């Protein structure tokens, strides 16, 4: 009976109600626990079950370590395997080519912000938008957005099971399921096709050439943000090697836009790729070179670094809306790339889109009664530099005197803690707290969404100690008169770090604390989940107005 039931569910397109009737006649005692648990998730068909099942697709720490040793062999299978699973869902690449108009963005720094600017601009131009990004801060549904809003829990669950069950039912063997990121990428294509979005904006996960999103063959336009050293164990230890991977999303005859101040010879790598595949390559102008009258430059994201991301987004959006404007004949073999893209007249949807952009966890300020939290997921040396500039400016404005400064920091993976911490010494923190990305509370819902099986708890705690040691070894100076030992704290979880701030540092005689949280988007997500448990920040309505210039 069990064999017949299993075969029926897997091979016949029974309705949900039919499956339940058949289940009621089945003896549960003959079903294995794993099968029963899987069916329970299918029966519940809810968000919590979807997240739990999605987490089962994560590679655990030991498996991931083996994969790292075979990184090249593993990487080159990403795109063909993604295509295989899309085909199983009835989504051949031809369907993506024909039915989705895509903006594809890679880069080391600012690709999420650039995509967020693009999405907002095009939404204000009246388009129905889809936006796929990673990682999420608190809830996995943040990764797939329609018209700027994350999928609701009900929408996420429905689409999840519509993708998961067919893939699960037609496995070739017990390991034949896409891993976490690959699954989410496949689900994003499925959602955008079903939602009939008018533009689909895809942020690359890691690299570009071998990234799962690179099943995209015919984007309308491609963007490459600022490059730098990150994920060096996967992409290489020079900016030139990293540029090679980022350039992997460039496609023949498809215009690509990038920023001018690329490090080392990385811009030359992009130019060589452009010539090789006959792809127009443009350098975007400075944001203040556009024709802004009668509007003022206002961005929804803080920090001078966002100017280049905003300019790139303007060019990508314009190329999407007007694909024939400024086109360079890619058939001209003697054309020298890159070409300077021309600034243009800013219209109301452009100005509104930039001003209303909201991208949580990046240059975000959260003001509480006892402390002001400055939250930025910077995790490369260059982005930490930009974070420091933003923090010093933002914390100094509208305050009569300097408040006590606290750093909460973590970094993960193969990133060099000393390089990331060096720019932070300019802030002259009074206290530095180092913790893992483990939340450490009984909030089961948040914990499931932020569960990371790719690294063990012991590894995470050890890393926070390494970061603390790097801070001390580099002789960073503090304000005040206390000893360094009293001012540097390594704690096991995010919750203990926030409790330390609240219990040990808050002084009723002062105006409060300025707390900078940076080094890891996963850390930022954990902090936000505890400071704003209702997740109100995810759907903040921007209030930046766009008004004509006044003399």
Protein backbone atom coordinates (compact mmCIF):
# COMPACT_ATOMS: atom_id res chain seq x y z
CA UNK A 1 0.00 0.00 0.00
CA UNK A 2 2.83 2.37 0.93
CA UNK A 3 4.68 1.63 -2.32
CA UNK A 4 1.50 2.19 -4.35
CA UNK A 5 0.79 5.43 -2.50
CA UNK A 6 4.33 6.77 -2.98
CA UNK A 7 4.28 5.89 -6.67
CA UNK A 8 0.90 7.53 -7.10
CA UNK A 9 1.93 10.80 -5.49
CA UNK A 10 5.16 10.98 -7.40
CA UNK A 11 4.01 9.97 -10.87
CA UNK A 12 0.39 11.04 -11.17
CA UNK A 13 -0.94 14.57 -11.11
CA UNK A 14 -3.37 14.05 -8.27
CA UNK A 15 -5.12 17.03 -6.81
CA UNK A 16 -4.30 17.98 -3.25
CA UNK A 17 -7.70 16.81 -2.02
CA UNK A 18 -7.33 13.46 -3.78
CA UNK A 19 -3.94 12.96 -2.15
CA UNK A 20 -5.44 13.64 1.28
CA UNK A 21 -8.24 11.10 0.71
CA UNK A 22 -5.71 8.50 -0.32
CA UNK A 23 -3.56 9.34 2.70
CA UNK A 24 -6.45 8.71 5.09
CA UNK A 25 -6.65 5.10 3.85
CA UNK A 26 -2.92 4.54 4.25
CA UNK A 27 -1.36 2.96 7.32
CA UNK A 28 1.09 5.49 8.72
CA UNK A 29 3.00 2.79 10.54
CA UNK A 30 4.50 1.51 7.29
CA UNK A 31 5.69 4.98 6.27
CA UNK A 32 9.23 5.99 7.14
CA UNK A 33 9.59 9.06 9.35
CA UNK A 34 11.38 11.05 6.62
CA UNK A 35 8.54 10.37 4.18
CA UNK A 36 5.95 11.32 6.76
CA UNK A 37 7.79 14.57 7.55
CA UNK A 38 8.04 15.42 3.85
CA UNK A 39 4.33 14.79 3.34
CA UNK A 40 3.55 16.83 6.45
CA UNK A 41 5.33 19.81 4.89
CA UNK A 42 3.39 19.29 1.67
CA UNK A 43 0.13 19.07 3.59
CA UNK A 44 0.83 22.19 5.63
CA UNK A 45 1.91 24.05 2.51
CA UNK A 46 2.87 27.07 4.63
CA UNK A 47 5.78 29.48 4.90
CA UNK A 48 7.41 27.88 7.94
CA UNK A 49 7.43 24.45 6.30
CA UNK A 50 8.79 25.99 3.11
CA UNK A 51 11.69 27.64 4.96
CA UNK A 52 12.49 24.44 6.83
CA UNK A 53 12.49 22.45 3.61
CA UNK A 54 14.57 25.09 1.82
CA UNK A 55 17.16 24.94 4.60
CA UNK A 56 17.51 21.21 3.95
CA UNK A 57 19.00 22.18 0.57
CA UNK A 58 21.95 23.91 2.23
CA UNK A 59 25.27 22.15 2.05
CA UNK A 60 26.59 21.45 5.54
CA UNK A 61 30.05 22.55 6.62
CA UNK A 62 31.81 19.25 5.89
CA UNK A 63 30.27 18.89 2.43
CA UNK A 64 31.12 22.50 1.65
CA UNK A 65 34.74 21.97 2.63
CA UNK A 66 35.00 19.07 0.16
CA UNK A 67 33.39 21.23 -2.50
CA UNK A 68 35.97 23.97 -1.92
CA UNK A 69 38.73 21.52 -2.73
CA UNK A 70 37.04 20.87 -6.06
CA UNK A 71 35.90 24.46 -6.62
CA UNK A 72 36.63 24.64 -10.37
CA UNK A 73 34.94 21.34 -11.09
CA UNK A 74 31.94 22.34 -8.97
CA UNK A 75 31.69 25.86 -10.40
CA UNK A 76 31.46 24.94 -14.05
CA UNK A 77 28.41 22.77 -13.39
CA UNK A 78 26.35 25.60 -11.89
CA UNK A 79 24.94 26.96 -15.14
CA UNK A 80 24.20 23.63 -16.89
CA UNK A 81 22.63 22.19 -13.73
CA UNK A 82 20.46 25.29 -13.30
CA UNK A 83 19.32 24.87 -16.91
CA UNK A 84 18.55 21.19 -16.24
CA UNK A 85 16.28 22.00 -13.30
CA UNK A 86 14.57 24.83 -15.20
CA UNK A 87 13.78 22.36 -17.98
CA UNK A 88 12.20 20.02 -15.45
CA UNK A 89 9.86 22.84 -14.48
CA UNK A 90 8.95 23.42 -18.10
CA UNK A 91 11.07 26.57 -18.34
CA UNK A 92 13.52 26.12 -21.24
CA UNK A 93 15.99 28.95 -21.77
CA UNK A 94 14.13 29.93 -24.93
CA UNK A 95 11.14 30.78 -22.75
CA UNK A 96 13.28 33.03 -20.56
CA UNK A 97 14.75 34.68 -23.66
CA UNK A 98 11.32 35.39 -25.10
CA UNK A 99 9.21 36.22 -22.06
CA UNK A 100 11.51 38.03 -19.62
CA UNK A 101 13.21 41.35 -20.23
CA UNK A 102 16.21 41.25 -17.93
CA UNK A 103 18.78 43.60 -16.40
CA UNK A 104 21.75 41.53 -15.16
CA UNK A 105 24.19 43.07 -12.67
CA UNK A 106 27.50 41.78 -11.29
CA UNK A 107 30.27 43.45 -9.28
CA UNK A 108 32.01 43.34 -5.91
CA UNK A 109 30.52 46.40 -4.24
CA UNK A 110 27.20 48.14 -4.70
CA UNK A 111 25.47 45.68 -6.99
CA UNK A 112 22.50 45.31 -4.63
CA UNK A 113 22.17 49.09 -4.24
CA UNK A 114 22.46 49.58 -8.00
CA UNK A 115 19.74 47.01 -8.59
CA UNK A 116 17.55 48.67 -5.95
CA UNK A 117 17.97 52.05 -7.66
CA UNK A 118 17.10 50.44 -11.03
CA UNK A 119 14.00 48.78 -9.64
CA UNK A 120 12.75 52.00 -8.09
CA UNK A 121 13.40 54.10 -11.21
CA UNK A 122 11.62 51.66 -13.51
CA UNK A 123 8.72 51.25 -11.09
CA UNK A 124 8.24 55.03 -11.12
CA UNK A 125 8.29 54.81 -14.92
CA UNK A 126 5.18 52.65 -14.56
CA UNK A 127 6.64 49.17 -15.10
CA UNK A 128 5.78 46.06 -13.12
CA UNK A 129 9.13 45.07 -11.63
CA UNK A 130 10.73 41.86 -10.42
CA UNK A 131 13.95 41.98 -8.39
CA UNK A 132 16.06 39.00 -7.32
CA UNK A 133 18.85 39.61 -4.80
CA UNK A 134 20.93 37.86 -2.15
CA UNK A 135 21.51 37.35 0.67
CA UNK A 136 18.39 38.15 2.64
CA UNK A 137 18.64 40.10 5.88
CA UNK A 138 15.91 38.48 7.98
CA UNK A 139 13.42 36.51 5.87
CA UNK A 140 14.23 34.57 2.74
CA UNK A 141 11.20 35.99 0.96
CA UNK A 142 13.12 39.29 0.75
CA UNK A 143 15.17 37.78 -2.08
CA UNK A 144 12.27 37.90 -4.54
CA UNK A 145 10.41 41.19 -4.82
CA UNK A 146 7.49 42.28 -6.98
CA UNK A 147 7.06 46.03 -7.40
CA UNK A 148 9.62 46.63 -4.66
CA UNK A 149 7.90 44.48 -2.03
CA UNK A 150 9.06 41.05 -0.84
CA UNK A 151 6.71 38.20 -1.61
CA UNK A 152 4.18 37.74 1.17
CA UNK A 153 4.58 34.60 3.26
CA UNK A 154 1.56 33.10 1.51
CA UNK A 155 2.91 33.93 -1.95
CA UNK A 156 6.36 32.61 -1.09
CA UNK A 157 4.95 29.32 0.24
CA UNK A 158 2.70 28.81 -2.78
CA UNK A 159 5.45 29.42 -5.29
CA UNK A 160 7.97 27.42 -3.25
CA UNK A 161 5.91 24.25 -3.30
CA UNK A 162 5.02 24.72 -6.96
CA UNK A 163 8.75 24.60 -7.69
CA UNK A 164 9.93 22.18 -5.01
CA UNK A 165 7.47 19.33 -5.52
CA UNK A 166 8.03 18.74 -9.25
CA UNK A 167 11.79 18.85 -8.75
CA UNK A 168 11.57 16.48 -5.79
CA UNK A 169 9.24 14.08 -7.57
CA UNK A 170 11.45 13.66 -10.62
CA UNK A 171 14.88 13.26 -9.06
CA UNK A 172 17.27 10.92 -10.85
CA UNK A 173 18.78 9.95 -7.49
CA UNK A 174 18.60 11.01 -3.83
CA UNK A 175 21.09 13.87 -4.36
CA UNK A 176 19.45 15.26 -7.50
CA UNK A 177 18.07 18.50 -6.07
CA UNK A 178 19.37 22.06 -6.55
CA UNK A 179 21.24 23.56 -3.61
CA UNK A 180 19.85 26.55 -1.71
CA UNK A 181 20.99 29.43 -3.95
CA UNK A 182 20.39 27.50 -7.14
CA UNK A 183 16.88 26.66 -5.99
CA UNK A 184 16.12 30.29 -5.16
CA UNK A 185 17.41 31.39 -8.56
CA UNK A 186 15.17 28.86 -10.29
CA UNK A 187 12.24 29.97 -8.14
CA UNK A 188 12.89 33.62 -9.09
CA UNK A 189 12.57 32.79 -12.80
CA UNK A 190 9.38 30.85 -12.08
CA UNK A 191 7.86 33.70 -10.04
CA UNK A 192 8.72 36.42 -12.56
CA UNK A 193 7.27 34.41 -15.44
CA UNK A 194 4.07 33.72 -13.52
CA UNK A 195 3.78 37.31 -12.32
CA UNK A 196 4.37 38.55 -15.88
CA UNK A 197 6.77 41.27 -14.77
CA UNK A 198 7.77 43.86 -17.35
CA UNK A 199 11.37 43.99 -16.14
CA UNK A 200 13.31 41.37 -14.18
CA UNK A 201 16.41 42.63 -12.37
CA UNK A 202 18.88 39.88 -11.39
CA UNK A 203 21.73 40.49 -8.98
CA UNK A 204 24.57 37.98 -9.42
CA UNK A 205 25.34 35.87 -6.35
CA UNK A 206 29.09 35.25 -6.52
CA UNK A 207 31.32 36.06 -9.47
CA UNK A 208 29.35 35.95 -12.69
CA UNK A 209 30.78 33.50 -15.20
CA UNK A 210 29.78 30.40 -13.24
CA UNK A 211 26.97 31.98 -11.22
CA UNK A 212 23.56 30.29 -11.43
CA UNK A 213 22.02 33.48 -12.77
CA UNK A 214 24.25 33.22 -15.84
CA UNK A 215 21.72 30.98 -17.54
CA UNK A 216 20.49 34.38 -18.74
CA UNK A 217 21.47 34.48 -22.40
CA UNK A 218 19.80 37.60 -23.76
CA UNK A 219 19.52 40.38 -21.18
CA UNK A 220 18.44 43.79 -22.40
CA UNK A 221 21.41 45.41 -20.66
CA UNK A 222 24.24 44.41 -18.31
CA UNK A 223 25.80 46.33 -15.41
CA UNK A 224 29.12 45.79 -13.63
CA UNK A 225 29.59 47.75 -10.41
CA UNK A 226 32.84 48.59 -8.59
CA UNK A 227 35.27 45.70 -8.40
CA UNK A 228 37.55 44.66 -5.54
CA UNK A 229 38.91 41.69 -3.63
CA UNK A 230 36.22 39.41 -2.24
CA UNK A 231 35.53 35.66 -2.33
CA UNK A 232 39.17 35.22 -3.30
CA UNK A 233 39.12 31.46 -2.61
CA UNK A 234 36.50 31.09 -5.33
CA UNK A 235 37.32 33.88 -7.79
CA UNK A 236 41.07 34.44 -7.46
CA UNK A 237 43.39 36.64 -5.42
CA UNK A 238 43.79 39.57 -7.82
CA UNK A 239 41.29 42.13 -9.08
CA UNK A 240 42.12 41.06 -12.62
CA UNK A 241 41.11 37.46 -11.93
CA UNK A 242 37.95 38.68 -10.23
CA UNK A 243 37.18 41.00 -13.18
CA UNK A 244 37.38 37.97 -15.49
CA UNK A 245 34.60 36.26 -13.53
CA UNK A 246 32.47 39.41 -13.27
CA UNK A 247 32.79 39.96 -17.04
CA UNK A 248 31.33 36.50 -17.57
CA UNK A 249 27.80 37.91 -17.67
CA UNK A 250 28.60 40.17 -20.66
CA UNK A 251 26.80 38.94 -23.78
CA UNK A 252 27.37 39.55 -27.53
CA UNK A 253 25.73 42.75 -28.83
CA UNK A 254 24.25 43.50 -25.36
CA UNK A 255 25.38 46.89 -23.99
CA UNK A 256 27.31 46.79 -20.72
CA UNK A 257 27.74 49.75 -18.37
CA UNK A 258 30.34 50.10 -15.64
CA UNK A 259 32.00 52.74 -13.44
CA UNK A 260 35.26 54.51 -14.26
CA UNK A 261 37.39 54.02 -11.15
CA UNK A 262 37.96 50.28 -11.41
CA UNK A 263 41.13 49.08 -9.62
CA UNK A 264 44.29 47.78 -11.28
CA UNK A 265 43.88 46.45 -14.80
CA UNK A 266 40.32 45.28 -14.22
CA UNK A 267 38.81 47.83 -16.63
CA UNK A 268 41.14 46.54 -19.33
CA UNK A 269 39.88 43.02 -18.64
CA UNK A 270 36.30 44.22 -19.22
CA UNK A 271 37.35 46.05 -22.39
CA UNK A 272 39.09 42.94 -23.76
CA UNK A 273 35.96 40.92 -23.12
CA UNK A 274 33.85 43.55 -24.87
CA UNK A 275 36.03 43.46 -27.98
CA UNK A 276 36.18 39.68 -27.95
CA UNK A 277 32.39 39.19 -27.98
CA UNK A 278 31.52 42.43 -29.82
CA UNK A 279 29.71 43.94 -26.87
CA UNK A 280 29.43 47.73 -26.39
CA UNK A 281 31.04 48.79 -23.10
CA UNK A 282 30.20 52.18 -21.55
CA UNK A 283 31.65 54.16 -18.67
CA UNK A 284 28.97 56.07 -16.76
CA UNK A 285 29.38 59.80 -15.99
CA UNK A 286 29.41 61.37 -12.56
CA UNK A 287 25.97 61.87 -11.07
CA UNK A 288 26.29 65.65 -11.03
CA UNK A 289 26.97 65.72 -14.79
CA UNK A 290 23.36 64.85 -15.60
CA UNK A 291 20.90 67.61 -16.48
CA UNK A 292 19.00 67.80 -13.21
CA UNK A 293 17.06 71.04 -13.63
CA UNK A 294 14.46 71.60 -12.31
CA UNK A 295 15.19 68.85 -9.74
CA UNK A 296 17.82 68.45 -7.04
CA UNK A 297 20.06 65.44 -6.48
CA UNK A 298 18.37 63.37 -3.77
CA UNK A 299 19.11 59.71 -3.12
CA UNK A 300 17.20 57.35 -0.87
CA UNK A 301 20.50 55.70 0.10
CA UNK A 302 23.06 57.67 2.11
CA UNK A 303 26.74 58.06 1.42
CA UNK A 304 28.81 59.56 -1.38
CA UNK A 305 29.58 56.06 -2.68
CA UNK A 306 25.96 55.77 -3.74
CA UNK A 307 26.46 58.46 -6.39
CA UNK A 308 28.27 56.07 -8.70
CA UNK A 309 25.67 53.35 -8.07
CA UNK A 310 22.89 55.83 -8.86
CA UNK A 311 24.58 56.94 -12.09
CA UNK A 312 25.01 53.33 -13.17
CA UNK A 313 21.35 52.67 -12.39
CA UNK A 314 20.27 55.69 -14.44
CA UNK A 315 22.18 54.43 -17.47
CA UNK A 316 20.90 50.86 -17.08
CA UNK A 317 17.32 52.09 -16.73
CA UNK A 318 17.58 54.37 -19.76
CA UNK A 319 19.15 51.60 -21.86
CA UNK A 320 16.31 49.30 -20.80
CA UNK A 321 13.60 51.82 -21.67
CA UNK A 322 15.30 52.99 -24.88
CA UNK A 323 17.49 50.13 -26.11
CA UNK A 324 18.42 51.87 -29.39
CA UNK A 325 19.62 55.13 -27.84
CA UNK A 326 23.39 55.66 -27.85
CA UNK A 327 23.91 52.24 -29.42
CA UNK A 328 27.36 51.59 -30.81
CA UNK A 329 27.59 49.25 -33.78
CA UNK A 330 29.26 46.25 -32.25
CA UNK A 331 30.13 45.08 -35.76
CA UNK A 332 32.82 47.75 -35.90
CA UNK A 333 35.83 45.67 -34.97
CA UNK A 334 38.04 48.75 -34.70
CA UNK A 335 35.84 50.44 -32.10
CA UNK A 336 37.82 51.16 -28.94
CA UNK A 337 36.07 50.28 -25.71
CA UNK A 338 35.12 51.54 -23.22
CA UNK A 339 33.05 54.46 -24.53
CA UNK A 340 31.94 57.32 -22.29
CA UNK A 341 28.18 57.22 -21.80
CA UNK A 342 26.53 60.61 -22.17
CA UNK A 343 24.66 62.26 -19.30
CA UNK A 344 21.04 63.05 -20.11
CA UNK A 345 18.04 65.00 -18.92
CA UNK A 346 16.62 63.75 -15.62
CA UNK A 347 12.83 63.45 -15.69
CA UNK A 348 10.43 63.18 -12.76
CA UNK A 349 10.28 59.32 -12.67
CA UNK A 350 14.10 59.21 -12.58
CA UNK A 351 14.33 61.76 -9.77
CA UNK A 352 11.53 60.15 -7.79
CA UNK A 353 12.94 56.67 -8.29
CA UNK A 354 16.35 57.67 -6.93
CA UNK A 355 14.90 59.64 -4.02
CA UNK A 356 12.47 56.91 -2.97
CA UNK A 357 14.92 53.99 -3.17
CA UNK A 358 15.12 52.00 0.05
CA UNK A 359 17.57 49.15 0.52
CA UNK A 360 17.65 47.97 4.16
CA UNK A 361 20.90 47.17 5.89
CA UNK A 362 22.89 49.60 3.78
CA UNK A 363 23.69 53.00 5.31
CA UNK A 364 20.63 52.60 7.52
CA UNK A 365 20.00 54.50 10.75
CA UNK A 366 17.78 53.11 13.49
CA UNK A 367 17.14 55.51 16.37
CA UNK A 368 16.13 53.96 19.68
CA UNK A 369 15.68 55.56 23.09
CA UNK A 370 19.07 54.63 24.47
CA UNK A 371 21.18 54.34 21.32
CA UNK A 372 21.35 55.20 17.65
CA UNK A 373 22.35 52.24 15.48
CA UNK A 374 24.22 52.90 12.24
CA UNK A 375 23.84 49.75 10.19
CA UNK A 376 25.79 48.92 7.05
CA UNK A 377 26.59 45.52 5.58
CA UNK A 378 29.98 46.59 4.18
CA UNK A 379 32.32 43.60 3.89
CA UNK A 380 35.21 44.61 1.63
CA UNK A 381 38.04 47.06 2.46
CA UNK A 382 36.70 49.63 0.00
CA UNK A 383 33.11 49.40 1.21
CA UNK A 384 34.29 49.64 4.84
CA UNK A 385 36.10 52.88 3.87
CA UNK A 386 32.83 54.23 2.47
CA UNK A 387 30.99 53.04 5.58
CA UNK A 388 33.44 54.95 7.82
CA UNK A 389 32.91 58.15 5.82
CA UNK A 390 29.15 57.77 6.11
CA UNK A 391 29.23 56.94 9.84
CA UNK A 392 31.49 59.86 10.76
CA UNK A 393 29.33 62.29 8.80
CA UNK A 394 25.97 60.90 9.90
CA UNK A 395 26.88 60.58 13.59
CA UNK A 396 28.31 64.11 13.70
CA UNK A 397 25.34 65.83 12.12
CA UNK A 398 22.63 67.39 14.30
CA UNK A 399 24.54 66.69 17.52
CA UNK A 400 26.08 69.23 19.84
CA UNK A 401 28.70 66.92 21.32
CA UNK A 402 30.33 63.64 20.48
CA UNK A 403 28.58 60.60 21.98
CA UNK A 404 30.21 57.39 23.11
CA UNK A 405 30.94 55.21 20.07
CA UNK A 406 30.54 51.45 19.99
CA UNK A 407 31.52 49.03 17.23
CA UNK A 408 29.73 45.71 16.69
CA UNK A 409 31.66 43.75 14.07
CA UNK A 410 31.95 40.38 12.44
CA UNK A 411 33.35 39.10 9.18
CA UNK A 412 33.12 35.64 7.68
CA UNK A 413 34.61 33.34 5.09
CA UNK A 414 38.12 33.96 3.81
CA UNK A 415 38.04 37.73 4.37
CA UNK A 416 41.08 39.35 5.99
CA UNK A 417 39.93 40.79 9.31
CA UNK A 418 42.91 43.13 9.66
CA UNK A 419 42.26 44.73 6.26
CA UNK A 420 38.60 45.26 7.07
CA UNK A 421 39.26 46.64 10.55
CA UNK A 422 42.02 49.07 9.54
CA UNK A 423 39.73 51.84 8.18
CA UNK A 424 37.60 51.67 11.34
CA UNK A 425 40.38 53.03 13.56
CA UNK A 426 39.49 56.52 12.31
CA UNK A 427 36.22 56.28 14.22
CA UNK A 428 38.03 56.07 17.59
CA UNK A 429 35.52 53.75 19.20
CA UNK A 430 35.15 53.67 22.95
CA UNK A 431 34.18 49.99 22.90
CA UNK A 432 34.59 47.28 20.25
CA UNK A 433 32.37 44.20 20.39
CA UNK A 434 33.06 41.13 18.25
CA UNK A 435 30.42 38.44 17.91
CA UNK A 436 29.33 35.62 15.62
CA UNK A 437 26.35 35.76 13.24
CA UNK A 438 24.38 33.42 15.51
CA UNK A 439 21.26 35.18 16.77
CA UNK A 440 21.07 33.24 20.04
CA UNK A 441 17.41 33.69 20.99
CA UNK A 442 14.36 31.49 21.23
CA UNK A 443 12.78 33.29 18.25
CA UNK A 444 12.32 30.14 16.22
CA UNK A 445 10.81 31.86 13.18
CA UNK A 446 13.70 34.28 12.75
CA UNK A 447 16.23 31.56 13.52
CA UNK A 448 14.94 29.34 10.70
CA UNK A 449 15.16 32.09 8.12
CA UNK A 450 18.71 32.93 9.21
CA UNK A 451 19.90 29.36 9.75
CA UNK A 452 23.35 28.78 8.21
CA UNK A 453 24.42 25.15 7.97
CA UNK A 454 27.49 25.96 5.87
CA UNK A 455 29.57 26.78 8.93
CA UNK A 456 29.46 25.24 12.40
CA UNK A 457 28.69 27.20 15.57
CA UNK A 458 32.18 26.51 16.89
CA UNK A 459 33.69 27.91 13.69
CA UNK A 460 31.60 31.06 13.99
CA UNK A 461 32.54 31.65 17.63
CA UNK A 462 36.22 31.04 16.85
CA UNK A 463 36.03 33.59 14.04
CA UNK A 464 34.72 36.28 16.40
CA UNK A 465 37.76 35.64 18.63
CA UNK A 466 40.07 35.90 15.61
CA UNK A 467 38.50 39.24 14.72
CA UNK A 468 38.94 40.47 18.30
CA UNK A 469 42.60 39.42 18.31
CA UNK A 470 43.17 41.19 14.98
CA UNK A 471 41.81 44.40 16.48
CA UNK A 472 44.13 44.19 19.50
CA UNK A 473 47.18 43.09 17.53
CA UNK A 474 46.93 46.11 15.26
CA UNK A 475 47.08 48.46 18.23
CA UNK A 476 43.88 50.37 17.56
CA UNK A 477 43.46 53.40 19.77
CA UNK A 478 40.41 54.16 21.88
CA UNK A 479 38.96 57.22 23.47
CA UNK A 480 38.75 57.46 27.23
CA UNK A 481 41.08 56.17 29.90
CA UNK A 482 40.15 52.52 30.30
CA UNK A 483 42.51 49.77 29.25
CA UNK A 484 42.11 48.04 25.91
CA UNK A 485 41.24 44.78 27.64
CA UNK A 486 38.17 46.41 29.17
CA UNK A 487 37.14 47.94 25.85
CA UNK A 488 37.35 44.88 23.60
CA UNK A 489 34.74 42.18 24.04
CA UNK A 490 34.29 38.90 22.14
CA UNK A 491 30.82 37.42 22.58
CA UNK A 492 29.23 34.24 21.18
CA UNK A 493 25.96 35.59 19.74
CA UNK A 494 24.31 38.74 18.41
CA UNK A 495 21.83 38.70 21.27
CA UNK A 496 24.58 38.72 23.90
CA UNK A 497 26.27 41.59 22.05
CA UNK A 498 23.11 43.71 22.10
CA UNK A 499 22.46 42.79 25.73
CA UNK A 500 26.00 43.92 26.56
CA UNK A 501 25.31 47.29 24.94
CA UNK A 502 22.06 47.66 26.84
CA UNK A 503 23.19 46.32 30.21
CA UNK A 504 26.80 47.49 30.41
CA UNK A 505 27.16 50.57 28.24
CA UNK A 506 23.95 52.55 28.39
CA UNK A 507 24.47 55.47 30.76
CA UNK A 508 21.40 57.39 31.87
CA UNK A 509 23.51 60.49 32.34
CA UNK A 510 24.44 60.72 28.69
CA UNK A 511 22.36 61.26 25.56
CA UNK A 512 22.94 57.71 24.44
CA UNK A 513 25.33 55.76 22.25
CA UNK A 514 26.33 55.74 18.60
CA UNK A 515 26.61 52.07 17.63
CA UNK A 516 28.06 51.06 14.25
CA UNK A 517 27.16 47.56 13.06
CA UNK A 518 29.20 46.42 10.06
CA UNK A 519 31.41 43.76 8.48
CA UNK A 520 28.74 41.26 7.41
CA UNK A 521 25.25 41.40 5.89
CA UNK A 522 24.39 38.33 7.95
CA UNK A 523 25.37 40.21 11.12
CA UNK A 524 23.29 43.17 10.00
CA UNK A 525 20.28 40.93 9.38
CA UNK A 526 20.56 39.36 12.81
CA UNK A 527 20.84 42.74 14.54
CA UNK A 528 17.82 44.11 12.67
CA UNK A 529 15.77 41.01 13.50
CA UNK A 530 16.31 41.71 17.22
CA UNK A 531 16.04 45.49 17.18
CA UNK A 532 12.97 45.50 14.93
CA UNK A 533 11.24 42.15 15.58
CA UNK A 534 8.12 43.20 13.64
CA UNK A 535 10.33 43.79 10.58
CA UNK A 536 8.79 47.18 9.92
CA UNK A 537 12.00 48.34 8.27
CA UNK A 538 11.46 45.96 5.34
CA UNK A 539 8.54 47.97 4.03
CA UNK A 540 9.54 51.51 4.97
CA UNK A 541 7.81 54.11 2.82
CA UNK A 542 10.36 56.70 1.79
CA UNK A 543 9.37 60.29 2.38
CA UNK A 544 12.05 62.05 0.33
CA UNK A 545 10.28 64.66 -1.73
CA UNK A 546 11.49 65.79 -5.13
CA UNK A 547 11.13 69.51 -5.63
CA UNK A 548 12.46 72.01 -8.15
CA UNK A 549 15.70 73.80 -7.38
CA UNK A 550 15.46 77.14 -5.69
CA UNK A 551 17.86 79.95 -6.26
